[in-house]
Amino acid sequence: MEDEYIESDLASNALGAIEILAALQGSPGKELLNNRSNTGDLYDWINTHKG
């Protein structure tokens, strides 16, 4: 049964990637917006790469 679970690191990376993709499409999650002071470098990258 343990083989059917995903590793938490892999799942966390996938969720982070999804949040970045949503932000690139102009719909950042509430947590990204609320924690903007901690994500300045991320927002710089997102603004550079937005389509």
Protein backbone atom coordinates (compact mmCIF):
# COMPACT_ATOMS: atom_id res chain seq x y z
CA MET A 1 0.00 0.00 0.00
CA GLU A 2 2.86 2.44 0.70
CA ASP A 3 3.96 2.30 -2.95
CA GLU A 4 0.74 4.03 -3.99
CA TYR A 5 1.50 7.29 -2.18
CA ILE A 6 3.48 10.15 -3.70
CA GLU A 7 6.45 11.50 -1.82
CA SER A 8 5.65 14.78 -0.07
CA ASP A 9 8.62 16.56 -1.68
CA LEU A 10 7.39 15.63 -5.15
CA ALA A 11 3.85 16.71 -4.33
CA SER A 12 5.05 20.02 -2.85
CA ASN A 13 7.12 20.75 -5.95
CA ALA A 14 4.14 20.01 -8.18
CA LEU A 15 1.86 22.32 -6.19
CA GLY A 16 4.48 25.08 -6.29
CA ALA A 17 4.78 24.70 -10.06
CA ILE A 18 1.00 24.91 -10.44
CA GLU A 19 0.92 28.10 -8.36
CA ILE A 20 3.61 29.65 -10.57
CA LEU A 21 1.75 28.66 -13.75
CA ALA A 22 -1.44 30.23 -12.39
CA ALA A 23 0.45 33.43 -11.53
CA LEU A 24 1.97 33.51 -15.04
CA GLN A 25 -1.56 33.39 -16.44
CA GLY A 26 -2.60 36.33 -14.26
CA SER A 27 -4.37 34.43 -11.48
CA PRO A 28 -1.97 34.15 -8.55
CA GLY A 29 -3.23 32.29 -5.50
CA LYS A 30 -4.27 34.15 -2.35
CA GLU A 31 -1.27 32.84 -0.44
CA LEU A 32 1.12 34.27 -3.01
CA LEU A 33 -0.66 37.63 -2.86
CA ASN A 34 -0.78 37.67 0.95
CA ASN A 35 2.90 36.74 1.29
CA ARG A 36 4.22 39.03 -1.42
CA SER A 37 6.89 40.41 0.90
CA ASN A 38 8.43 36.92 1.05
CA THR A 39 8.15 36.28 -2.68
CA GLY A 40 9.73 39.37 -4.25
CA ASP A 41 12.21 37.40 -6.36
CA LEU A 42 9.42 35.10 -7.56
CA TYR A 43 7.28 38.06 -8.62
CA ASP A 44 10.24 39.60 -10.46
CA TRP A 45 10.66 36.32 -12.36
CA ILE A 46 6.92 36.03 -13.04
CA ASN A 47 6.70 39.61 -14.36
CA THR A 48 9.69 38.97 -16.63
CA HIS A 49 8.21 35.78 -18.09
CA LYS A 50 4.49 36.63 -18.31
CA GLY A 51 2.96 36.08 -21.72
